[in-house]
Protein backbone atom coordinates (compact mmCIF):
# COMPACT_ATOMS: atom_id res chain seq x y z
CA MET A 1 34.25 171.67 75.70
CA ILE A 2 36.45 171.56 78.82
CA GLU A 3 35.93 168.56 81.03
CA THR A 4 36.79 169.43 84.63
CA ARG A 5 37.84 166.90 87.21
CA ALA A 6 37.86 166.98 90.99
CA LYS A 7 41.24 167.52 92.64
CA SER A 8 41.13 164.09 94.26
CA GLU A 9 40.82 162.51 90.81
CA ARG A 10 43.92 164.32 89.56
CA GLU A 11 46.21 163.28 92.38
CA PRO A 12 48.07 159.96 92.19
CA GLU A 13 46.85 157.22 94.48
CA PRO A 14 49.13 156.47 97.45
CA GLY A 15 51.85 154.10 96.30
CA LYS A 16 50.80 154.43 92.65
CA THR A 17 53.70 156.38 91.22
CA ALA A 18 56.36 155.66 88.62
CA GLU A 19 59.77 157.36 88.43
CA LEU A 20 60.62 156.94 84.75
CA SER A 21 62.55 160.18 84.23
CA SER A 22 66.05 159.50 85.58
CA ASN A 23 67.16 156.22 83.96
CA GLU A 24 67.54 154.45 87.30
CA SER A 25 67.74 150.70 87.68
CA PRO A 26 64.39 148.87 87.69
CA ALA A 27 66.18 145.97 89.37
CA GLY A 28 67.15 147.96 92.46
CA PRO A 29 70.71 147.84 93.84
CA PRO A 30 72.85 144.69 93.64
CA PRO A 31 72.37 142.42 96.69
CA SER A 32 76.17 142.23 96.97
CA ALA A 33 76.27 146.02 97.37
CA VAL A 34 73.58 145.97 100.07
CA ASP A 35 75.47 143.27 101.98
CA ARG A 36 78.68 145.31 101.83
CA LEU A 37 76.81 148.42 102.98
CA LEU A 38 75.49 146.62 106.05
CA ALA A 39 78.98 145.34 106.84
CA LEU A 40 80.30 148.92 106.87
CA GLN A 41 77.98 150.22 109.58
CA ASN A 42 80.52 149.92 112.38
CA SER A 43 83.43 151.48 110.47
CA LEU A 44 81.95 154.76 109.29
CA HIS A 45 84.07 156.68 111.80
CA ARG A 46 87.15 155.83 109.71
CA TYR A 47 88.50 157.72 106.71
CA PRO A 48 88.46 155.71 103.45
CA ARG A 49 92.15 154.79 103.70
CA GLY A 50 93.00 152.21 101.08
CA ALA A 51 89.45 152.04 99.73
CA SER A 52 90.34 153.84 96.49
CA ALA A 53 93.19 151.44 95.80
CA LEU A 54 90.92 148.48 96.56
CA LEU A 55 88.27 149.60 94.09
CA ARG A 56 90.82 150.47 91.41
CA GLU A 57 92.25 146.95 91.69
CA GLU A 58 88.79 145.37 91.42
CA ILE A 59 87.88 147.43 88.36
CA ALA A 60 91.29 146.97 86.75
CA ALA A 61 90.99 143.19 86.99
CA HIS A 62 87.43 143.30 85.65
CA TRP A 63 88.19 145.68 82.78
CA ARG A 64 91.65 144.21 82.10
CA VAL A 65 93.49 147.50 82.49
CA ARG A 66 96.22 148.65 84.86
CA PRO A 67 95.10 150.07 88.25
CA GLU A 68 97.22 153.18 87.68
CA SER A 69 95.09 153.91 84.60
CA LEU A 70 91.99 154.51 86.70
CA VAL A 71 90.64 157.68 88.32
CA LEU A 72 87.66 157.40 90.67
CA THR A 73 85.44 160.46 90.45
CA ASN A 74 82.49 161.93 92.31
CA GLY A 75 80.05 161.43 89.46
CA VAL A 76 80.30 162.73 85.91
CA ASP A 77 80.62 166.35 87.00
CA GLU A 78 83.98 165.85 88.70
CA ALA A 79 85.29 163.98 85.67
CA ILE A 80 84.24 166.84 83.39
CA ASP A 81 85.80 169.43 85.71
CA LEU A 82 89.07 167.51 85.91
CA LEU A 83 89.36 167.11 82.14
CA THR A 84 88.44 170.69 81.35
CA SER A 85 91.05 171.90 83.85
CA LEU A 86 93.66 170.67 81.35
CA THR A 87 92.36 172.58 78.33
CA ASP A 88 91.17 175.95 77.05
CA ARG A 89 88.09 174.94 75.04
CA VAL A 90 85.47 172.19 74.74
CA TRP A 91 83.72 170.33 71.94
CA CYS A 92 80.61 168.21 72.51
CA THR A 93 77.63 166.79 70.64
CA VAL A 94 74.04 167.98 70.99
CA PRO A 95 71.47 166.67 71.77
CA GLY A 96 73.49 165.42 74.69
CA PHE A 97 74.16 165.41 78.40
CA ASP A 98 73.88 169.07 79.33
CA ALA A 99 76.81 168.99 81.80
CA PHE A 100 79.16 168.59 78.81
CA TRP A 101 78.53 172.23 77.98
CA THR A 102 77.18 173.77 81.20
CA ARG A 103 80.14 172.73 83.37
CA PRO A 104 82.81 174.18 81.04
CA GLU A 105 80.76 177.32 80.48
CA ILE A 106 80.54 177.88 84.25
CA HIS A 107 84.35 177.96 84.24
CA GLY A 108 84.43 180.39 81.34
CA LEU A 109 85.61 177.97 78.66
CA PRO A 110 84.37 178.46 75.08
CA THR A 111 82.23 175.48 74.09
CA THR A 112 81.28 174.36 70.60
CA ARG A 113 78.20 172.16 70.29
CA LEU A 114 78.24 169.78 67.33
CA PRO A 115 74.68 168.99 66.12
CA LEU A 116 73.56 165.41 65.62
CA ARG A 117 71.24 164.25 62.85
CA GLU A 118 68.09 162.27 63.58
CA ASP A 119 70.11 159.05 63.18
CA GLY A 120 72.47 160.20 65.94
CA GLN A 121 75.44 160.93 63.67
CA PRO A 122 77.23 164.33 63.66
CA THR A 123 76.25 166.78 60.96
CA VAL A 124 79.92 167.75 60.47
CA GLY A 125 82.98 165.66 59.78
CA PRO A 126 85.73 165.16 62.38
CA GLU A 127 87.90 167.62 60.47
CA ARG A 128 85.59 170.37 61.79
CA VAL A 129 86.51 169.52 65.39
CA GLY A 130 89.54 171.25 66.91
CA PRO A 131 92.29 172.06 66.70
CA HIS A 132 93.06 171.61 70.39
CA GLY A 133 90.64 171.40 73.32
CA VAL A 134 88.80 168.46 74.85
CA ALA A 135 85.98 166.58 73.09
CA PHE A 136 83.19 164.85 75.01
CA VAL A 137 81.27 162.13 73.18
CA ALA A 138 78.68 159.91 74.90
CA ARG A 139 78.43 156.46 73.32
CA PRO A 140 75.56 155.49 73.56
CA ASN A 141 74.26 159.03 73.74
CA ASN A 142 71.80 160.49 76.21
CA PRO A 143 69.07 161.50 75.27
CA THR A 144 69.00 160.17 71.69
CA GLY A 145 69.94 156.61 72.69
CA THR A 146 72.06 156.33 69.53
CA VAL A 147 75.72 155.42 68.97
CA VAL A 148 78.17 157.69 67.14
CA ALA A 149 80.02 155.80 64.41
CA SER A 150 83.46 154.59 65.49
CA GLU A 151 84.96 155.90 62.22
CA TRP A 152 84.01 159.47 63.20
CA LEU A 153 85.15 159.08 66.79
CA ASP A 154 88.45 157.42 65.84
CA ALA A 155 89.49 160.54 63.93
CA LEU A 156 89.19 162.84 66.97
CA PRO A 157 92.41 161.97 68.88
CA SER A 158 94.45 163.58 66.09
CA ARG A 159 92.27 166.71 66.18
CA VAL A 160 92.09 167.67 69.86
CA ASP A 161 94.19 167.47 73.02
CA LEU A 162 91.84 165.10 74.87
CA VAL A 163 88.98 162.81 73.87
CA CYS A 164 86.61 161.58 76.58
CA VAL A 165 84.14 158.84 75.64
CA ASP A 166 81.27 158.60 78.11
CA GLU A 167 80.17 154.95 78.23
CA THR A 168 77.65 155.22 81.04
CA TYR A 169 75.12 153.21 78.99
CA VAL A 170 77.49 150.83 77.21
CA ASP A 171 76.30 147.77 79.14
CA PHE A 172 72.88 148.11 77.49
CA SER A 173 74.35 148.53 73.99
CA GLU A 174 75.07 146.13 71.18
CA GLU A 175 78.22 148.10 70.30
CA PRO A 176 81.61 147.33 71.92
CA GLY A 177 83.13 149.89 74.25
CA TYR A 178 86.42 151.75 74.03
CA VAL A 179 88.09 150.56 77.25
CA PRO A 180 90.01 147.79 75.39
CA ARG A 181 91.32 150.45 72.98
CA LEU A 182 92.86 152.75 75.58
CA GLY A 183 96.42 152.03 74.45
CA GLU A 184 95.78 153.17 70.88
CA TRP A 185 95.98 156.90 71.74
CA GLU A 186 97.73 158.73 74.55
CA ASN A 187 94.96 161.35 74.73
CA LEU A 188 91.95 158.99 74.93
CA CYS A 189 90.03 158.44 78.15
CA VAL A 190 86.83 156.52 78.83
CA PHE A 191 84.34 157.40 81.53
CA ARG A 192 81.74 155.05 83.00
CA SER A 193 79.25 155.95 85.69
CA LEU A 194 78.33 153.22 88.15
CA SER A 195 74.83 154.65 88.54
CA LYS A 196 73.10 153.01 85.57
CA ALA A 197 74.20 149.45 84.80
CA LEU A 198 75.15 148.70 88.42
CA GLY A 199 72.06 150.33 89.93
CA LEU A 200 74.05 152.64 92.21
CA ALA A 201 72.74 156.11 91.31
CA GLY A 202 72.72 157.09 94.98
CA LEU A 203 76.50 156.69 95.30
CA ARG A 204 77.51 159.38 92.77
CA LEU A 205 80.60 157.45 91.73
CA GLY A 206 82.25 157.10 88.36
CA VAL A 207 85.41 155.64 86.87
CA LEU A 208 87.68 157.37 84.36
CA ALA A 209 90.12 155.13 82.50
CA ALA A 210 93.09 156.78 80.77
CA PRO A 211 96.74 156.18 79.92
CA PRO A 212 98.71 156.08 83.21
CA LEU A 213 100.44 159.46 82.79
CA LEU A 214 97.16 161.22 82.01
CA ALA A 215 95.40 159.42 84.87
CA ALA A 216 98.14 160.55 87.28
CA ARG A 217 97.73 164.18 86.19
CA LEU A 218 93.99 163.97 86.81
CA ARG A 219 94.36 162.34 90.25
CA GLU A 220 96.72 165.15 91.30
CA ARG A 221 93.93 167.66 90.66
CA GLN A 222 91.29 165.89 92.75
CA ARG A 223 89.98 167.03 96.10
CA PHE A 224 91.08 165.13 99.20
CA TYR A 225 88.94 161.96 99.43
CA SER A 226 86.49 163.13 96.75
CA ALA A 227 84.83 159.69 96.90
CA ASP A 228 83.55 158.54 100.31
CA ALA A 229 84.19 155.22 102.02
CA VAL A 230 80.66 153.90 101.56
CA SER A 231 80.69 154.54 97.81
CA LEU A 232 84.13 153.00 97.34
CA HIS A 233 83.49 149.81 99.33
CA VAL A 234 79.98 149.25 98.00
CA ALA A 235 81.13 149.76 94.41
CA ALA A 236 83.98 147.31 94.96
CA ALA A 237 81.41 144.67 95.84
CA ALA A 238 79.12 145.49 92.92
CA ILE A 239 81.66 145.86 90.12
CA THR A 240 82.25 142.11 89.86
CA ASP A 241 78.61 141.10 90.39
CA ASP A 242 78.13 139.63 86.93
CA THR A 243 74.93 137.86 87.94
CA TYR A 244 73.26 141.14 88.83
CA LEU A 245 74.51 142.87 85.66
CA ALA A 246 73.27 140.08 83.40
CA GLY A 247 69.85 140.04 85.04
CA HIS A 248 69.57 143.82 84.98
CA ARG A 249 70.56 143.96 81.30
CA ALA A 250 67.97 141.31 80.38
CA GLN A 251 65.28 143.19 82.32
CA VAL A 252 66.13 146.42 80.49
CA VAL A 253 66.03 144.76 77.07
CA ARG A 254 62.59 143.26 77.81
CA GLY A 255 61.36 146.55 79.27
CA ARG A 256 62.53 148.54 76.25
CA GLU A 257 60.47 146.39 73.92
CA ARG A 258 57.45 146.66 76.20
CA LEU A 259 57.75 150.45 76.32
CA VAL A 260 58.06 150.69 72.55
CA GLU A 261 54.91 148.58 72.22
CA ILE A 262 52.91 150.61 74.77
CA LEU A 263 53.99 154.04 73.55
CA GLY A 264 53.45 153.13 69.91
CA ALA A 265 50.03 151.56 70.50
CA SER A 266 48.79 154.65 72.37
CA GLY A 267 48.66 156.68 69.13
CA LEU A 268 49.86 159.72 71.05
CA PHE A 269 53.27 160.05 69.43
CA VAL A 270 54.64 160.80 65.98
CA GLU A 271 57.53 158.40 66.50
CA VAL A 272 58.71 155.94 69.14
CA ARG A 273 62.40 155.06 68.96
CA ARG A 274 64.21 152.01 70.23
CA THR A 275 67.57 152.85 71.78
CA GLN A 276 70.77 151.18 72.97
CA THR A 277 70.25 152.45 76.51
CA ASN A 278 67.83 151.85 79.39
CA PHE A 279 65.24 154.28 78.05
CA VAL A 280 63.19 154.87 74.90
CA ILE A 281 62.31 158.09 73.09
CA ALA A 282 58.81 159.21 72.11
CA ARG A 283 58.43 162.21 69.79
CA CYS A 284 55.38 164.43 70.10
CA GLN A 285 53.77 166.62 67.45
CA ASP A 286 55.68 169.67 68.74
CA PRO A 287 57.67 170.80 71.84
CA ALA A 288 54.63 172.36 73.54
CA GLU A 289 52.75 169.09 73.22
CA ALA A 290 55.64 167.20 74.84
CA VAL A 291 55.58 169.56 77.81
CA ARG A 292 51.82 169.18 78.22
CA VAL A 293 51.98 165.38 78.12
CA GLU A 294 54.86 165.35 80.62
CA GLU A 295 52.92 167.61 83.00
CA TRP A 296 49.71 165.60 82.61
CA LEU A 297 51.49 162.35 83.46
CA SER A 298 53.40 163.96 86.34
CA ALA A 299 50.17 165.24 87.92
CA ARG A 300 49.06 161.60 88.06
CA GLY A 301 52.27 160.26 89.56
CA VAL A 302 54.15 159.08 86.45
CA HIS A 303 57.32 161.04 85.79
CA VAL A 304 59.03 161.08 82.40
CA HIS A 305 61.64 163.52 81.08
CA GLU A 306 60.93 166.21 78.49
CA CYS A 307 64.25 166.70 76.70
CA SER A 308 64.45 170.41 75.83
CA LEU A 309 67.27 171.08 78.30
CA LEU A 310 69.28 168.32 76.60
CA GLY A 311 68.83 169.94 73.20
CA TYR A 312 66.08 167.55 72.10
CA PRO A 313 62.76 169.46 72.22
CA GLY A 314 59.52 167.69 71.48
CA ARG A 315 60.74 164.36 72.83
CA LEU A 316 59.94 162.45 75.98
CA ARG A 317 62.60 160.18 77.45
CA VAL A 318 60.95 157.26 79.22
CA SER A 319 63.13 155.07 81.42
CA VAL A 320 62.62 151.33 81.70
CA GLY A 321 60.87 150.76 85.01
CA THR A 322 59.47 147.84 86.92
CA ASP A 323 56.55 145.86 85.50
CA GLU A 324 54.23 147.72 87.89
CA GLU A 325 55.54 151.13 86.80
CA ILE A 326 55.23 150.27 83.11
CA ALA A 327 51.67 149.02 83.69
CA LEU A 328 50.78 152.29 85.43
CA LEU A 329 52.17 154.28 82.51
CA SER A 330 50.24 152.08 80.07
CA GLY A 331 46.95 152.74 81.84
CA LEU A 332 47.46 156.50 81.89
CA LEU A 333 48.45 156.63 78.23
CA ALA A 334 45.28 154.73 77.36
CA GLU A 335 43.25 157.22 79.40
CA LEU A 336 44.94 160.17 77.73
CA ALA A 337 44.40 158.70 74.27
CA ARG A 338 40.66 158.27 75.00
CA LYS A 339 40.14 161.78 76.32
CA GLY A 340 42.55 163.80 74.22
CA ALA A 341 45.26 166.32 75.00
CA PRO A 342 45.54 168.34 78.21
CA ASP A 343 44.09 171.81 77.75
CA PRO A 344 47.02 174.11 76.87
CA ARG A 345 45.56 177.28 78.41
CA PRO A 346 47.20 178.56 81.64
CA GLY A 347 45.37 177.43 84.73
CA VAL A 348 43.32 174.76 82.96
CA ASN A 349 45.62 171.77 83.60
CA PRO A 350 42.90 169.33 84.71
CA GLY A 351 40.75 169.74 81.62
CA VAL A 352 40.94 167.74 78.44
CA ARG A 353 39.73 168.71 75.00
CA GLY A 354 38.75 167.06 71.79
CA GLU A 355 38.30 163.40 71.04
CA GLY A 356 41.66 162.45 69.51
CA PRO A 357 45.20 162.07 70.86
CA PRO A 358 47.42 165.12 71.50
CA GLY A 359 48.38 167.07 68.40
CA ARG A 360 46.20 165.01 66.10
């Protein structure tokens, strides 16, 4: 029996939406960053002269590295393009951030994807990586939310020309990062986006830390002023805002536990996984079911991310949101669990079938 619903019932109420698909900060931007942004309003006619050096000095002092070891990039994509411009092939793990293979493939570089097990560890030993090329490893990883063992990662610098560790989510992790270990290998670099932990996704700014000679080679290959004045000055204010970072981290940790509780209690998922990031993973009965649940939630204003494009089919990645967003998700999951799965037939999106949860 197909239960039909009026269009007005299927549309989200005004103001009742939740963006839980992009791993953005539930805390909003740092107040220090907003203050700096307002202070810049009368200087936007100037080129960002000196702003890059200012931000590098702020980050260097905070990370305890040398300023000449830092490269400021226009998001992860520029960092990937710069690193792959120095090599002839790429190695990366999958499931993973799709730009690690799509960006090199756009430039015609052969790319080898190294599968991860369910526990987030590679299925092959480090001796199967290389020789030569650049290896991209996210730690913690998106979308699995897991951390590759340091023993596996530590063997890579002797196997390939360059190793890039993406630590975009490291501030939410229990594992230490690799920035303090930069001096151990001349071909190791560490990338951190400022979009996640510092709540600055709108700036599209990242930081690549590398040995000074490698960092200099990468800076030589950058476009003129690839990072704009607003991004550089605002990030300089936010990078040392420890109060914001501590509060944001605590909010994410609380929100992760709440999401695990809500998703698990719904009975809709085969598995709900805690992570070391600002999202959790819910596994559906099969990939088609994950797509249907994503679409059903999206039609009602709650957006989560189905992970097929990241090499993780059948999973939904759910970002930690505000208390209001999490409550909205909780209510919809309870409704879906009561009524059953969305009808899978084309053109019958509003209907529901059966009495149990999807796939059960």
